[in-house]
N, C-alpha and C. Protein backbone atom coordinates (compact mmCIF):
# COMPACT_ATOMS: atom_id res chain seq x y z
N MET A 1 83.60 102.81 122.33
CA MET A 1 83.91 102.58 120.93
C MET A 1 82.70 103.01 120.10
N THR A 2 82.96 103.83 119.08
CA THR A 2 81.86 104.30 118.23
C THR A 2 81.35 103.13 117.37
N ILE A 3 80.15 103.29 116.85
CA ILE A 3 79.56 102.26 115.99
C ILE A 3 80.43 102.07 114.74
N GLN A 4 80.94 103.18 114.18
CA GLN A 4 81.78 103.10 112.99
C GLN A 4 83.05 102.29 113.27
N ARG A 5 83.68 102.57 114.41
CA ARG A 5 84.91 101.87 114.76
C ARG A 5 84.64 100.38 114.98
N LYS A 6 83.52 100.06 115.60
CA LYS A 6 83.15 98.66 115.83
C LYS A 6 82.92 97.95 114.49
N VAL A 7 82.25 98.61 113.57
CA VAL A 7 81.98 98.04 112.25
C VAL A 7 83.30 97.82 111.49
N ILE A 8 84.23 98.76 111.59
CA ILE A 8 85.53 98.63 110.93
C ILE A 8 86.31 97.46 111.54
N TRP A 9 86.28 97.36 112.86
CA TRP A 9 86.93 96.23 113.54
C TRP A 9 86.32 94.90 113.09
N ASN A 10 84.99 94.85 113.03
CA ASN A 10 84.31 93.63 112.58
C ASN A 10 84.69 93.28 111.14
N ALA A 11 84.81 94.30 110.30
CA ALA A 11 85.19 94.07 108.89
C ALA A 11 86.61 93.52 108.81
N LEU A 12 87.50 94.08 109.60
CA LEU A 12 88.89 93.61 109.61
C LEU A 12 88.95 92.15 110.08
N LYS A 13 88.21 91.83 111.12
CA LYS A 13 88.17 90.45 111.62
C LYS A 13 87.52 89.52 110.59
N ALA A 14 86.47 89.99 109.91
CA ALA A 14 85.77 89.17 108.92
C ALA A 14 86.68 88.82 107.74
N ALA A 15 87.65 89.67 107.47
CA ALA A 15 88.58 89.40 106.38
C ALA A 15 89.56 88.27 106.72
N GLY A 16 89.54 87.85 107.97
CA GLY A 16 90.42 86.75 108.39
C GLY A 16 91.87 87.16 108.35
N LYS A 17 92.71 86.27 107.89
CA LYS A 17 94.15 86.54 107.84
C LYS A 17 94.59 86.97 106.44
N THR A 18 93.70 87.65 105.71
CA THR A 18 94.04 88.10 104.36
C THR A 18 94.83 89.41 104.35
N HIS A 19 94.93 90.07 105.51
CA HIS A 19 95.64 91.34 105.60
C HIS A 19 95.07 92.35 104.58
N PRO A 20 93.79 92.72 104.73
CA PRO A 20 93.13 93.57 103.74
C PRO A 20 93.67 95.00 103.73
N ASN A 21 93.45 95.68 102.60
CA ASN A 21 93.77 97.10 102.53
C ASN A 21 92.52 97.89 102.96
N ALA A 22 92.64 99.20 103.03
CA ALA A 22 91.54 100.04 103.50
C ALA A 22 90.31 99.92 102.61
N GLU A 23 90.51 99.79 101.31
CA GLU A 23 89.38 99.69 100.38
C GLU A 23 88.56 98.42 100.64
N THR A 24 89.24 97.32 100.89
CA THR A 24 88.55 96.06 101.19
C THR A 24 87.79 96.17 102.50
N ILE A 25 88.42 96.78 103.49
CA ILE A 25 87.76 96.97 104.79
C ILE A 25 86.54 97.87 104.60
N TYR A 26 86.67 98.90 103.79
CA TYR A 26 85.55 99.80 103.50
C TYR A 26 84.37 99.04 102.89
N ARG A 27 84.67 98.18 101.89
CA ARG A 27 83.59 97.41 101.25
C ARG A 27 82.90 96.49 102.24
N LEU A 28 83.66 95.84 103.10
CA LEU A 28 83.08 94.95 104.11
C LEU A 28 82.28 95.74 105.14
N ALA A 29 82.80 96.88 105.56
CA ALA A 29 82.11 97.71 106.55
C ALA A 29 80.81 98.27 105.99
N LYS A 30 80.81 98.61 104.71
CA LYS A 30 79.63 99.17 104.05
C LYS A 30 78.46 98.17 104.04
N GLU A 31 78.78 96.88 104.03
CA GLU A 31 77.72 95.86 104.10
C GLU A 31 76.96 95.94 105.42
N GLU A 32 77.67 96.28 106.49
CA GLU A 32 77.05 96.36 107.81
C GLU A 32 76.52 97.76 108.11
N LEU A 33 77.21 98.78 107.57
CA LEU A 33 76.83 100.17 107.82
C LEU A 33 76.90 100.93 106.49
N PRO A 34 75.80 100.88 105.71
CA PRO A 34 75.82 101.42 104.34
C PRO A 34 76.24 102.88 104.19
N HIS A 35 76.06 103.70 105.22
CA HIS A 35 76.39 105.12 105.09
C HIS A 35 77.80 105.47 105.55
N ILE A 36 78.61 104.48 105.88
CA ILE A 36 79.98 104.77 106.31
C ILE A 36 80.78 105.31 105.13
N SER A 37 81.66 106.26 105.39
CA SER A 37 82.46 106.85 104.30
C SER A 37 83.87 106.28 104.31
N MET A 38 84.52 106.39 103.16
CA MET A 38 85.91 105.94 103.04
C MET A 38 86.80 106.74 103.98
N GLY A 39 86.52 108.03 104.11
CA GLY A 39 87.30 108.89 105.02
C GLY A 39 87.21 108.41 106.46
N THR A 40 86.03 107.98 106.87
CA THR A 40 85.85 107.45 108.22
C THR A 40 86.67 106.19 108.41
N VAL A 41 86.70 105.35 107.40
CA VAL A 41 87.49 104.11 107.47
C VAL A 41 88.97 104.46 107.58
N TYR A 42 89.46 105.36 106.73
CA TYR A 42 90.87 105.76 106.77
C TYR A 42 91.23 106.36 108.13
N ARG A 43 90.42 107.28 108.62
CA ARG A 43 90.71 107.93 109.91
C ARG A 43 90.76 106.92 111.05
N ASN A 44 89.80 106.01 111.07
CA ASN A 44 89.76 105.02 112.15
C ASN A 44 90.91 104.02 112.05
N LEU A 45 91.24 103.56 110.84
CA LEU A 45 92.37 102.65 110.69
C LEU A 45 93.66 103.33 111.13
N SER A 46 93.82 104.59 110.77
CA SER A 46 95.01 105.34 111.16
C SER A 46 95.08 105.47 112.68
N ASP A 47 93.98 105.82 113.30
CA ASP A 47 93.93 105.98 114.76
C ASP A 47 94.15 104.64 115.46
N MET A 48 93.51 103.59 114.96
CA MET A 48 93.64 102.27 115.58
C MET A 48 95.08 101.76 115.49
N SER A 49 95.73 102.01 114.36
CA SER A 49 97.12 101.56 114.23
C SER A 49 98.05 102.42 115.09
N ALA A 50 97.79 103.71 115.18
CA ALA A 50 98.61 104.59 116.03
C ALA A 50 98.51 104.20 117.49
N LYS A 51 97.35 103.71 117.90
CA LYS A 51 97.14 103.30 119.29
C LYS A 51 97.57 101.86 119.56
N GLY A 52 98.04 101.16 118.52
CA GLY A 52 98.50 99.79 118.69
C GLY A 52 97.39 98.77 118.77
N GLU A 53 96.19 99.15 118.34
CA GLU A 53 95.04 98.23 118.37
C GLU A 53 95.05 97.28 117.19
N ILE A 54 95.67 97.70 116.09
CA ILE A 54 95.83 96.88 114.88
C ILE A 54 97.23 97.15 114.33
N LEU A 55 97.68 96.32 113.40
CA LEU A 55 98.96 96.56 112.73
C LEU A 55 98.73 97.15 111.36
N ARG A 56 99.51 98.14 111.02
CA ARG A 56 99.55 98.69 109.66
C ARG A 56 100.80 98.10 109.02
N ILE A 57 100.64 97.51 107.85
CA ILE A 57 101.76 96.88 107.16
C ILE A 57 102.02 97.63 105.86
N PRO A 58 103.07 98.46 105.83
CA PRO A 58 103.39 99.16 104.59
C PRO A 58 103.90 98.17 103.55
N VAL A 59 103.34 98.22 102.36
CA VAL A 59 103.72 97.30 101.29
C VAL A 59 104.25 98.11 100.12
N MET A 60 105.43 97.72 99.63
CA MET A 60 106.00 98.39 98.47
C MET A 60 105.07 98.22 97.27
N ASP A 61 104.91 99.24 96.48
CA ASP A 61 104.12 99.17 95.25
C ASP A 61 102.66 98.82 95.48
N GLY A 62 102.11 99.21 96.62
CA GLY A 62 100.71 98.93 96.88
C GLY A 62 100.24 99.65 98.13
N PRO A 63 98.94 99.61 98.35
CA PRO A 63 98.41 100.28 99.54
C PRO A 63 98.79 99.54 100.81
N ASP A 64 98.84 100.27 101.92
CA ASP A 64 99.08 99.65 103.22
C ASP A 64 98.04 98.58 103.46
N ARG A 65 98.44 97.56 104.19
CA ARG A 65 97.54 96.47 104.56
C ARG A 65 97.40 96.50 106.08
N PHE A 66 96.38 95.82 106.60
CA PHE A 66 96.10 95.86 108.03
C PHE A 66 95.92 94.46 108.58
N ASP A 67 96.26 94.31 109.86
CA ASP A 67 96.21 93.02 110.53
C ASP A 67 95.62 93.24 111.91
N TRP A 68 94.59 92.47 112.24
CA TRP A 68 93.99 92.57 113.58
C TRP A 68 94.83 91.86 114.62
N ASP A 69 95.72 90.97 114.19
CA ASP A 69 96.57 90.22 115.11
C ASP A 69 97.77 91.09 115.49
N ILE A 70 97.74 91.64 116.70
CA ILE A 70 98.80 92.54 117.13
C ILE A 70 99.91 91.82 117.89
N SER A 71 99.85 90.49 117.93
CA SER A 71 100.95 89.76 118.56
C SER A 71 102.22 89.98 117.75
N ARG A 72 103.35 89.84 118.38
CA ARG A 72 104.64 90.09 117.71
C ARG A 72 104.86 89.07 116.60
N HIS A 73 104.84 89.52 115.37
CA HIS A 73 105.13 88.69 114.22
C HIS A 73 105.47 89.57 113.03
N ASP A 74 106.06 88.97 112.01
CA ASP A 74 106.43 89.69 110.80
C ASP A 74 105.64 89.13 109.62
N HIS A 75 105.95 89.60 108.42
CA HIS A 75 105.18 89.22 107.24
C HIS A 75 106.08 88.99 106.03
N ALA A 76 105.56 88.22 105.09
CA ALA A 76 106.17 88.04 103.78
C ALA A 76 105.08 88.35 102.75
N VAL A 77 105.46 88.97 101.64
CA VAL A 77 104.50 89.31 100.59
C VAL A 77 104.96 88.68 99.29
N CYS A 78 104.02 88.06 98.58
CA CYS A 78 104.31 87.49 97.26
C CYS A 78 104.39 88.64 96.26
N ARG A 79 105.50 88.73 95.54
CA ARG A 79 105.70 89.82 94.58
C ARG A 79 104.83 89.67 93.33
N VAL A 80 104.20 88.50 93.15
CA VAL A 80 103.36 88.29 91.98
C VAL A 80 101.90 88.60 92.30
N CYS A 81 101.33 87.93 93.30
CA CYS A 81 99.90 88.09 93.59
C CYS A 81 99.61 89.06 94.73
N GLY A 82 100.62 89.44 95.50
CA GLY A 82 100.43 90.40 96.58
C GLY A 82 99.93 89.80 97.88
N ARG A 83 99.74 88.50 97.92
CA ARG A 83 99.26 87.85 99.14
C ARG A 83 100.28 88.01 100.27
N LEU A 84 99.79 88.28 101.48
CA LEU A 84 100.64 88.42 102.65
C LEU A 84 100.56 87.18 103.52
N PHE A 85 101.69 86.79 104.05
CA PHE A 85 101.79 85.63 104.92
C PHE A 85 102.37 86.05 106.27
N ASP A 86 101.89 85.46 107.34
CA ASP A 86 102.45 85.71 108.66
C ASP A 86 103.74 84.92 108.83
N LEU A 87 104.71 85.54 109.50
CA LEU A 87 105.95 84.88 109.88
C LEU A 87 106.02 84.86 111.40
N PRO A 88 106.65 83.85 111.98
CA PRO A 88 106.75 83.83 113.44
C PRO A 88 107.62 84.96 113.96
N ALA A 89 107.40 85.34 115.19
CA ALA A 89 108.19 86.39 115.82
C ALA A 89 109.64 85.95 115.94
N GLY A 90 110.53 86.91 115.98
CA GLY A 90 111.93 86.62 116.22
C GLY A 90 112.72 86.19 115.01
N VAL A 91 112.18 86.39 113.82
CA VAL A 91 112.90 86.02 112.61
C VAL A 91 114.13 86.92 112.44
N THR A 92 114.03 88.15 112.90
CA THR A 92 115.10 89.11 112.72
C THR A 92 115.76 89.45 114.04
N TYR A 93 117.08 89.54 114.01
CA TYR A 93 117.85 90.03 115.15
C TYR A 93 118.61 91.25 114.67
N ILE A 94 118.47 92.36 115.35
CA ILE A 94 119.17 93.60 114.99
C ILE A 94 120.27 93.83 116.03
N PRO A 95 121.53 93.70 115.63
CA PRO A 95 122.62 93.95 116.59
C PRO A 95 122.65 95.40 117.03
N ASP A 96 123.08 95.65 118.25
CA ASP A 96 123.15 97.01 118.79
C ASP A 96 123.92 97.96 117.88
N ARG A 97 124.96 97.46 117.21
CA ARG A 97 125.80 98.32 116.37
C ARG A 97 125.04 98.85 115.15
N CYS A 98 123.89 98.25 114.83
CA CYS A 98 123.09 98.69 113.68
C CYS A 98 122.07 99.76 114.06
N VAL A 99 121.89 99.97 115.34
CA VAL A 99 120.94 100.99 115.81
C VAL A 99 121.68 102.33 115.85
N PRO A 100 121.12 103.38 115.26
CA PRO A 100 121.80 104.68 115.25
C PRO A 100 122.16 105.14 116.66
N LYS A 101 123.32 105.76 116.76
CA LYS A 101 123.79 106.29 118.04
C LYS A 101 122.77 107.29 118.59
N GLY A 102 122.49 107.19 119.85
CA GLY A 102 121.52 108.09 120.49
C GLY A 102 120.09 107.61 120.37
N CYS A 103 119.88 106.40 119.84
CA CYS A 103 118.53 105.85 119.68
C CYS A 103 118.41 104.54 120.44
N ARG A 104 117.20 104.24 120.84
CA ARG A 104 116.88 102.96 121.46
C ARG A 104 115.84 102.27 120.59
N LEU A 105 116.16 101.07 120.13
CA LEU A 105 115.25 100.33 119.25
C LEU A 105 114.01 99.91 120.03
N LEU A 106 112.85 100.28 119.54
CA LEU A 106 111.59 99.93 120.19
C LEU A 106 110.94 98.71 119.56
N ASP A 107 111.03 98.62 118.25
CA ASP A 107 110.33 97.55 117.55
C ASP A 107 110.90 97.42 116.15
N THR A 108 110.65 96.30 115.52
CA THR A 108 110.99 96.12 114.11
C THR A 108 109.76 95.58 113.41
N GLN A 109 109.72 95.78 112.12
CA GLN A 109 108.66 95.19 111.31
C GLN A 109 109.30 94.74 110.01
N LEU A 110 109.45 93.43 109.89
CA LEU A 110 110.10 92.84 108.73
C LEU A 110 109.05 92.47 107.68
N LEU A 111 109.34 92.79 106.42
CA LEU A 111 108.48 92.39 105.33
C LEU A 111 109.36 91.74 104.27
N LEU A 112 109.32 90.42 104.21
CA LEU A 112 110.09 89.68 103.22
C LEU A 112 109.34 89.67 101.89
N GLN A 113 110.06 89.71 100.80
CA GLN A 113 109.45 89.58 99.48
C GLN A 113 109.72 88.17 99.00
N CYS A 114 108.69 87.52 98.49
CA CYS A 114 108.82 86.12 98.07
C CYS A 114 107.94 85.88 96.85
N ILE A 115 107.92 84.65 96.39
CA ILE A 115 106.94 84.22 95.39
C ILE A 115 106.26 83.00 96.01
N CYS A 116 104.95 83.05 96.10
CA CYS A 116 104.23 81.95 96.74
C CYS A 116 104.20 80.73 95.80
N THR A 117 103.95 79.57 96.38
CA THR A 117 103.95 78.32 95.63
C THR A 117 102.96 78.35 94.47
N GLU A 118 101.76 78.90 94.72
CA GLU A 118 100.74 78.95 93.67
C GLU A 118 101.22 79.76 92.46
N CYS A 119 101.82 80.92 92.73
CA CYS A 119 102.31 81.76 91.64
C CYS A 119 103.50 81.10 90.93
N GLU A 120 104.35 80.47 91.68
CA GLU A 120 105.52 79.82 91.08
C GLU A 120 105.10 78.66 90.17
N GLU A 121 104.08 77.92 90.58
CA GLU A 121 103.60 76.80 89.78
C GLU A 121 102.90 77.25 88.51
N SER A 122 102.33 78.46 88.54
CA SER A 122 101.60 78.93 87.36
C SER A 122 102.50 79.62 86.34
N THR A 123 103.78 79.79 86.66
CA THR A 123 104.69 80.45 85.70
C THR A 123 105.49 79.44 84.93
């Protein structure tokens, strides 16, 4: 593992369960490795997610978010503040009839849209 990749991994873990975007990971990584570039962060996050080392969570109307927890689980996003929440695995069942003919379902990634309690109370 390169030093840059290790620093990016450390930054992702340091963010906890906030599901940070690449820019946040970049800022955290820069604290440990001041000369790291945004391009290096993007390339490594892309490679790490392609290899299944981290999860990439596509979010509507915003940048992709990342999760170091690769265990099977889904997410919910607050449409007001953008906060992401973990959901337990198995929330979704996809019947065979919904899978296109000639395809085998490998995985699903559910992203529910919600309003969190904090945002709801402030409106």
